[in-house]
Amino acid sequence: MITFTQEVDRWNCCYTKCGAACCKKGHPLTLFDINVISKKLGVNWHKFAEFDTKKLRFYLKGKSGDSGSNSNSNSNTQDGDKGDVMCTFLKDDLTCSIYDVKPLVCRLLPFEIKGVSLADEPLLQLKPLDVCPGYGRGPKLDNAAMWQIERDATLYLHENQKLCRKFKEDPEKVLKEYASD
């Protein structure tokens, strides 16, 4: 089930005003994301992601390709090097180099994931990214836009379930397949 903490009536991405603040390393990726991006770029997923064996999740690396300890959180570090916290796919002009195959979590904008529960009835809670300068501005989010967000959120939830199921069936195989070298 997908729930929203509150509605967003209007939204327009103003990435040049905020410096693409939502394009950070540490965003969670799904198996779907990993496979689509790897295929598009013709590279192994290790180039752009890492796998957290405790949380059973993939996370997007930073622009420098680092794999620091903060990479599995939506890092807002203040280390002075923006390259270490920005998404590896963010270009100098603040556009996305993989826009046509951008990760599911990026497709959820103007919402961000507040919580995920993979219990008997899986739940994904989305909240508005209200720090975004485009929040409450621009075109009205119509039914089609909201339907697409719910569809992508559902796929995100199912992909997380799939990874957890795979891990329960054969954890060693998953770790061997996805754990970093």
Protein backbone atom coordinates (compact mmCIF):
# COMPACT_ATOMS: atom_id res chain seq x y z
CA MET A 1 0.00 0.00 0.00
CA ILE A 2 1.20 3.50 -0.85
CA THR A 3 0.30 6.36 1.47
CA PHE A 4 1.01 10.07 1.31
CA THR A 5 1.56 12.14 4.44
CA GLN A 6 -0.01 15.11 2.67
CA GLU A 7 -1.06 16.15 -0.80
CA VAL A 8 0.99 18.23 -3.17
CA ASP A 9 -1.22 20.41 -5.31
CA ARG A 10 1.46 21.98 -7.49
CA TRP A 11 5.10 21.27 -8.23
CA ASN A 12 7.72 22.35 -10.71
CA CYS A 13 11.33 21.22 -10.59
CA CYS A 14 13.53 24.29 -10.15
CA TYR A 15 16.85 22.45 -9.96
CA THR A 16 18.85 25.50 -11.02
CA LYS A 17 17.52 27.48 -8.03
CA CYS A 18 18.49 24.90 -5.43
CA GLY A 19 21.58 23.45 -7.12
CA ALA A 20 19.80 20.11 -7.64
CA ALA A 21 19.65 19.62 -3.88
CA CYS A 22 17.62 16.40 -4.23
CA CYS A 23 20.31 14.80 -6.42
CA LYS A 24 22.42 13.35 -3.63
CA LYS A 25 24.37 10.17 -3.20
CA GLY A 26 22.82 7.60 -0.91
CA HIS A 27 19.45 7.31 -2.58
CA PRO A 28 18.24 3.71 -2.43
CA LEU A 29 18.23 1.76 -5.67
CA THR A 30 16.25 -1.35 -6.59
CA LEU A 31 17.26 -4.43 -8.58
CA PHE A 32 15.24 -2.92 -11.42
CA ASP A 33 17.28 0.30 -11.24
CA ILE A 34 20.56 -1.60 -11.05
CA ASN A 35 19.75 -3.73 -14.08
CA VAL A 36 18.37 -0.91 -16.26
CA ILE A 37 21.19 1.52 -15.48
CA SER A 38 23.90 -1.15 -15.91
CA LYS A 39 22.45 -2.15 -19.27
CA LYS A 40 22.11 1.47 -20.45
CA LEU A 41 25.68 2.36 -19.49
CA GLY A 42 27.24 -1.01 -20.27
CA VAL A 43 28.96 -1.09 -16.88
CA ASN A 44 28.92 -3.21 -13.76
CA TRP A 45 26.71 -1.80 -10.99
CA HIS A 46 29.79 -1.38 -8.74
CA LYS A 47 30.64 1.72 -10.80
CA PHE A 48 27.60 3.65 -9.54
CA ALA A 49 26.19 1.82 -6.51
CA GLU A 50 27.07 -0.15 -3.44
CA PHE A 51 25.20 -2.85 -1.59
CA ASP A 52 24.53 -2.64 2.14
CA THR A 53 24.43 -6.24 3.37
CA LYS A 54 22.81 -5.26 6.68
CA LYS A 55 19.93 -3.27 5.20
CA LEU A 56 19.76 -5.38 2.01
CA ARG A 57 19.69 -2.32 -0.18
CA PHE A 58 21.65 -0.77 -2.98
CA TYR A 59 22.67 2.86 -2.61
CA LEU A 60 23.76 5.39 -5.19
CA LYS A 61 27.38 6.46 -5.00
CA GLY A 62 28.52 10.06 -4.98
CA LYS A 63 29.97 11.92 -7.93
CA SER A 64 33.51 10.97 -7.00
CA GLY A 65 32.47 7.30 -6.83
CA ASP A 66 33.40 7.19 -3.18
CA SER A 67 32.05 4.49 -0.97
CA GLY A 68 32.28 6.28 2.35
CA SER A 69 30.34 5.26 5.40
CA ASN A 70 27.66 7.91 4.81
CA SER A 71 26.78 6.63 1.37
CA ASN A 72 23.82 4.65 2.59
CA SER A 73 21.99 7.69 3.86
CA ASN A 74 20.70 10.77 2.16
CA SER A 75 23.90 12.50 3.03
CA ASN A 76 23.85 16.16 3.88
CA THR A 77 27.42 16.22 5.05
CA GLN A 78 29.16 19.53 5.28
CA ASP A 79 32.62 18.40 4.32
CA GLY A 80 33.02 21.21 1.81
CA ASP A 81 33.36 18.88 -1.19
CA LYS A 82 30.02 18.89 -2.95
CA GLY A 83 31.32 16.23 -5.36
CA ASP A 84 31.34 13.75 -2.53
CA VAL A 85 27.63 14.16 -1.82
CA MET A 86 26.12 14.81 -5.23
CA CYS A 87 24.76 12.00 -7.38
CA THR A 88 27.26 10.34 -9.64
CA PHE A 89 24.93 10.98 -12.61
CA LEU A 90 24.55 14.72 -12.04
CA LYS A 91 26.21 16.68 -14.84
CA ASP A 92 27.92 20.06 -14.43
CA ASP A 93 24.84 21.83 -15.79
CA LEU A 94 22.80 20.09 -13.05
CA THR A 95 20.93 17.83 -15.46
CA CYS A 96 20.76 14.06 -15.13
CA SER A 97 22.99 12.02 -17.43
CA ILE A 98 20.65 9.01 -17.17
CA TYR A 99 17.33 10.87 -17.17
CA ASP A 100 15.61 8.34 -19.44
CA VAL A 101 16.44 5.52 -16.98
CA LYS A 102 16.56 7.49 -13.74
CA PRO A 103 16.05 5.46 -10.56
CA LEU A 104 12.57 4.83 -9.22
CA VAL A 105 13.24 6.94 -6.13
CA CYS A 106 13.99 9.93 -8.41
CA ARG A 107 10.73 9.37 -10.27
CA LEU A 108 8.83 9.83 -7.02
CA LEU A 109 9.57 13.55 -6.90
CA PRO A 110 8.10 15.80 -5.54
CA PHE A 111 7.84 13.15 -2.83
CA GLU A 112 10.52 11.41 -0.83
CA ILE A 113 10.31 8.12 1.01
CA LYS A 114 9.43 8.60 4.65
CA GLY A 115 9.15 4.93 5.55
CA VAL A 116 9.06 1.40 4.17
CA SER A 117 7.59 -1.64 5.85
CA LEU A 118 7.81 -5.05 4.23
CA ALA A 119 5.56 -6.77 6.78
CA ASP A 120 2.50 -8.85 5.82
CA GLU A 121 1.02 -5.89 3.99
CA PRO A 122 3.90 -3.91 2.47
CA LEU A 123 3.70 -0.18 3.03
CA LEU A 124 5.53 2.74 1.49
CA GLN A 125 4.93 6.15 2.99
CA LEU A 126 5.73 9.20 0.88
CA LYS A 127 6.03 12.76 2.11
CA PRO A 128 6.38 15.97 0.11
CA LEU A 129 9.87 17.24 -0.39
CA ASP A 130 8.80 20.62 1.00
CA VAL A 131 12.31 22.09 1.07
CA CYS A 132 12.19 22.10 -2.73
CA PRO A 133 11.75 25.62 -4.18
CA GLY A 134 9.31 24.15 -6.72
CA TYR A 135 6.98 22.79 -4.02
CA GLY A 136 3.57 24.45 -4.30
CA ARG A 137 4.50 26.15 -7.60
CA GLY A 138 4.11 25.37 -11.25
CA PRO A 139 1.54 23.16 -12.89
CA LYS A 140 -1.09 21.30 -10.95
CA LEU A 141 -0.27 17.65 -10.32
CA ASP A 142 -3.11 15.98 -12.15
CA ASN A 143 -4.47 12.45 -11.75
CA ALA A 144 -2.12 11.12 -14.43
CA ALA A 145 0.96 12.47 -12.63
CA MET A 146 -0.20 11.09 -9.29
CA TRP A 147 -1.03 7.73 -10.91
CA GLN A 148 2.52 7.55 -12.30
CA ILE A 149 4.02 8.37 -8.89
CA GLU A 150 1.89 5.66 -7.26
CA ARG A 151 2.87 3.19 -10.00
CA ASP A 152 6.58 3.91 -9.52
CA ALA A 153 6.20 3.73 -5.72
CA THR A 154 4.48 0.35 -6.04
CA LEU A 155 7.27 -0.92 -8.29
CA TYR A 156 9.84 0.36 -5.78
CA LEU A 157 8.06 -1.50 -2.99
CA HIS A 158 7.81 -4.73 -5.00
CA GLU A 159 11.46 -4.56 -5.99
CA ASN A 160 12.47 -4.26 -2.33
CA GLN A 161 10.29 -7.26 -1.52
CA LYS A 162 11.94 -9.22 -4.33
CA LEU A 163 15.42 -8.56 -2.99
CA CYS A 164 14.36 -9.55 0.55
CA ARG A 165 12.78 -12.74 -0.79
CA LYS A 166 15.92 -13.61 -2.73
CA PHE A 167 17.96 -13.03 0.39
CA LYS A 168 15.72 -15.28 2.50
CA GLU A 169 15.92 -18.06 -0.11
CA ASP A 170 19.69 -18.00 -0.52
CA PRO A 171 21.56 -15.27 1.37
CA GLU A 172 24.98 -16.50 0.33
CA LYS A 173 24.05 -16.33 -3.35
CA VAL A 174 22.75 -12.78 -2.97
CA LEU A 175 25.81 -11.68 -1.04
CA LYS A 176 28.10 -13.27 -3.59
CA GLU A 177 26.17 -11.71 -6.46
CA TYR A 178 25.76 -8.22 -5.01
CA ALA A 179 28.33 -7.64 -2.27
CA SER A 180 31.16 -5.35 -3.30
CA ASP A 181 34.48 -6.94 -4.20
